[in-house]
Amino acid sequence: MILSGTEDIKKLEKLGITKAKNRKFIAQKITNSKMVDIEGGTVYMMNQMPEKLLK
């Protein structure tokens, strides 16, 4: 899961959740992700492992 626009992101980063800074980049790299806009930000749900995104 990737969160964007949250104010309390530091606590979430300790749990392995990353702030989304470039929505277009994420959409290109995680083609099967689902994006949901919520109040205060965006949530991306994906089923790909982060290691695969680096390739």
N, C-alpha and C. Protein backbone atom coordinates (compact mmCIF):
# COMPACT_ATOMS: atom_id res chain seq x y z
N MET A 1 0.85 -1.17 0.00
CA MET A 1 0.00 0.00 0.00
C MET A 1 0.89 1.23 0.00
N ILE A 2 0.52 2.23 -0.76
CA ILE A 2 1.24 3.49 -0.82
C ILE A 2 0.26 4.60 -0.49
N LEU A 3 0.62 5.47 0.43
CA LEU A 3 -0.24 6.58 0.82
C LEU A 3 0.36 7.88 0.31
N SER A 4 -0.50 8.80 -0.09
CA SER A 4 -0.06 10.10 -0.56
C SER A 4 -0.87 11.18 0.12
N GLY A 5 -0.21 12.22 0.59
CA GLY A 5 -0.90 13.36 1.15
C GLY A 5 -1.20 13.25 2.63
N THR A 6 -0.67 12.26 3.30
CA THR A 6 -0.93 12.11 4.73
C THR A 6 0.05 12.96 5.52
N GLU A 7 -0.41 13.51 6.62
CA GLU A 7 0.45 14.34 7.47
C GLU A 7 1.27 13.48 8.43
N ASP A 8 0.77 12.35 8.79
CA ASP A 8 1.43 11.52 9.79
C ASP A 8 2.22 10.39 9.14
N ILE A 9 2.87 10.70 8.01
CA ILE A 9 3.52 9.66 7.21
C ILE A 9 4.72 9.03 7.92
N LYS A 10 5.40 9.76 8.79
CA LYS A 10 6.59 9.20 9.44
C LYS A 10 6.27 7.95 10.26
N LYS A 11 5.14 7.96 10.96
CA LYS A 11 4.75 6.78 11.72
C LYS A 11 4.43 5.62 10.78
N LEU A 12 3.80 5.93 9.66
CA LEU A 12 3.45 4.88 8.70
C LEU A 12 4.69 4.33 7.99
N GLU A 13 5.69 5.19 7.73
CA GLU A 13 6.90 4.72 7.07
C GLU A 13 7.62 3.67 7.90
N LYS A 14 7.52 3.76 9.21
CA LYS A 14 8.12 2.75 10.07
C LYS A 14 7.47 1.39 9.88
N LEU A 15 6.23 1.40 9.38
CA LEU A 15 5.51 0.15 9.11
C LEU A 15 5.71 -0.33 7.68
N GLY A 16 6.54 0.39 6.90
CA GLY A 16 6.82 -0.01 5.53
C GLY A 16 5.90 0.61 4.50
N ILE A 17 5.17 1.65 4.88
CA ILE A 17 4.28 2.33 3.95
C ILE A 17 5.00 3.56 3.42
N THR A 18 4.96 3.79 2.12
CA THR A 18 5.72 4.85 1.48
C THR A 18 4.81 5.93 0.94
N LYS A 19 5.23 7.18 1.07
CA LYS A 19 4.47 8.31 0.54
C LYS A 19 4.64 8.38 -0.97
N ALA A 20 3.53 8.53 -1.67
CA ALA A 20 3.56 8.64 -3.13
C ALA A 20 3.84 10.09 -3.50
N LYS A 21 4.91 10.32 -4.23
CA LYS A 21 5.26 11.69 -4.61
C LYS A 21 4.95 11.97 -6.07
N ASN A 22 4.92 10.95 -6.90
CA ASN A 22 4.69 11.13 -8.33
C ASN A 22 3.64 10.13 -8.79
N ARG A 23 2.40 10.58 -8.90
CA ARG A 23 1.30 9.68 -9.22
C ARG A 23 1.45 9.05 -10.61
N LYS A 24 1.95 9.82 -11.59
CA LYS A 24 2.11 9.29 -12.94
C LYS A 24 3.15 8.17 -12.95
N PHE A 25 4.27 8.37 -12.24
CA PHE A 25 5.32 7.36 -12.16
C PHE A 25 4.77 6.07 -11.56
N ILE A 26 4.00 6.21 -10.49
CA ILE A 26 3.43 5.04 -9.83
C ILE A 26 2.50 4.29 -10.77
N ALA A 27 1.65 5.03 -11.48
CA ALA A 27 0.72 4.40 -12.41
C ALA A 27 1.45 3.65 -13.52
N GLN A 28 2.60 4.17 -13.96
CA GLN A 28 3.37 3.52 -15.01
C GLN A 28 4.10 2.28 -14.49
N LYS A 29 4.64 2.36 -13.30
CA LYS A 29 5.43 1.25 -12.75
C LYS A 29 4.56 0.16 -12.14
N ILE A 30 3.44 0.53 -11.60
CA ILE A 30 2.54 -0.43 -10.96
C ILE A 30 1.26 -0.46 -11.78
N THR A 31 1.32 -1.16 -12.89
CA THR A 31 0.23 -1.11 -13.86
C THR A 31 -1.07 -1.71 -13.34
N ASN A 32 -0.99 -2.61 -12.40
CA ASN A 32 -2.21 -3.23 -11.88
C ASN A 32 -2.61 -2.65 -10.52
N SER A 33 -2.10 -1.45 -10.19
CA SER A 33 -2.47 -0.83 -8.91
C SER A 33 -3.86 -0.23 -9.00
N LYS A 34 -4.48 -0.12 -7.87
CA LYS A 34 -5.80 0.51 -7.77
C LYS A 34 -5.64 1.78 -6.96
N MET A 35 -6.06 2.91 -7.52
CA MET A 35 -5.92 4.19 -6.85
C MET A 35 -7.27 4.64 -6.31
N VAL A 36 -7.29 5.05 -5.06
CA VAL A 36 -8.51 5.54 -4.43
C VAL A 36 -8.20 6.87 -3.77
N ASP A 37 -8.89 7.93 -4.19
CA ASP A 37 -8.72 9.24 -3.55
C ASP A 37 -9.54 9.28 -2.28
N ILE A 38 -8.90 9.71 -1.21
CA ILE A 38 -9.59 9.86 0.07
C ILE A 38 -9.32 11.27 0.59
N GLU A 39 -10.06 11.69 1.59
CA GLU A 39 -9.85 13.02 2.16
C GLU A 39 -8.43 13.12 2.69
N GLY A 40 -7.68 14.10 2.21
CA GLY A 40 -6.31 14.31 2.68
C GLY A 40 -5.26 13.53 1.92
N GLY A 41 -5.64 12.80 0.88
CA GLY A 41 -4.62 12.08 0.13
C GLY A 41 -5.15 11.01 -0.78
N THR A 42 -4.26 10.13 -1.16
CA THR A 42 -4.55 9.06 -2.11
C THR A 42 -3.99 7.76 -1.57
N VAL A 43 -4.70 6.68 -1.76
CA VAL A 43 -4.23 5.36 -1.36
C VAL A 43 -4.04 4.53 -2.63
N TYR A 44 -2.88 3.91 -2.78
CA TYR A 44 -2.62 2.99 -3.88
C TYR A 44 -2.55 1.58 -3.30
N MET A 45 -3.28 0.68 -3.88
CA MET A 45 -3.23 -0.72 -3.48
C MET A 45 -2.55 -1.48 -4.61
N MET A 46 -1.63 -2.37 -4.27
CA MET A 46 -0.94 -3.14 -5.30
C MET A 46 -0.66 -4.54 -4.80
N ASN A 47 -0.42 -5.43 -5.75
CA ASN A 47 -0.07 -6.80 -5.38
C ASN A 47 1.28 -7.20 -5.96
N GLN A 48 2.13 -6.24 -6.25
CA GLN A 48 3.48 -6.51 -6.74
C GLN A 48 4.47 -6.30 -5.60
N MET A 49 5.52 -7.07 -5.60
CA MET A 49 6.56 -6.92 -4.60
C MET A 49 7.44 -5.73 -4.97
N PRO A 50 7.89 -4.92 -4.01
CA PRO A 50 8.73 -3.75 -4.30
C PRO A 50 9.99 -4.09 -5.08
N GLU A 51 10.57 -5.26 -4.86
CA GLU A 51 11.79 -5.64 -5.58
C GLU A 51 11.55 -5.68 -7.09
N LYS A 52 10.36 -6.08 -7.51
CA LYS A 52 10.05 -6.17 -8.93
C LYS A 52 9.95 -4.79 -9.57
N LEU A 53 9.63 -3.77 -8.79
CA LEU A 53 9.51 -2.42 -9.31
C LEU A 53 10.86 -1.83 -9.67
N LEU A 54 11.92 -2.32 -9.06
CA LEU A 54 13.25 -1.80 -9.31
C LEU A 54 13.83 -2.28 -10.63
N LYS A 55 13.29 -3.34 -11.18
CA LYS A 55 13.82 -3.92 -12.42
C LYS A 55 13.36 -3.16 -13.64
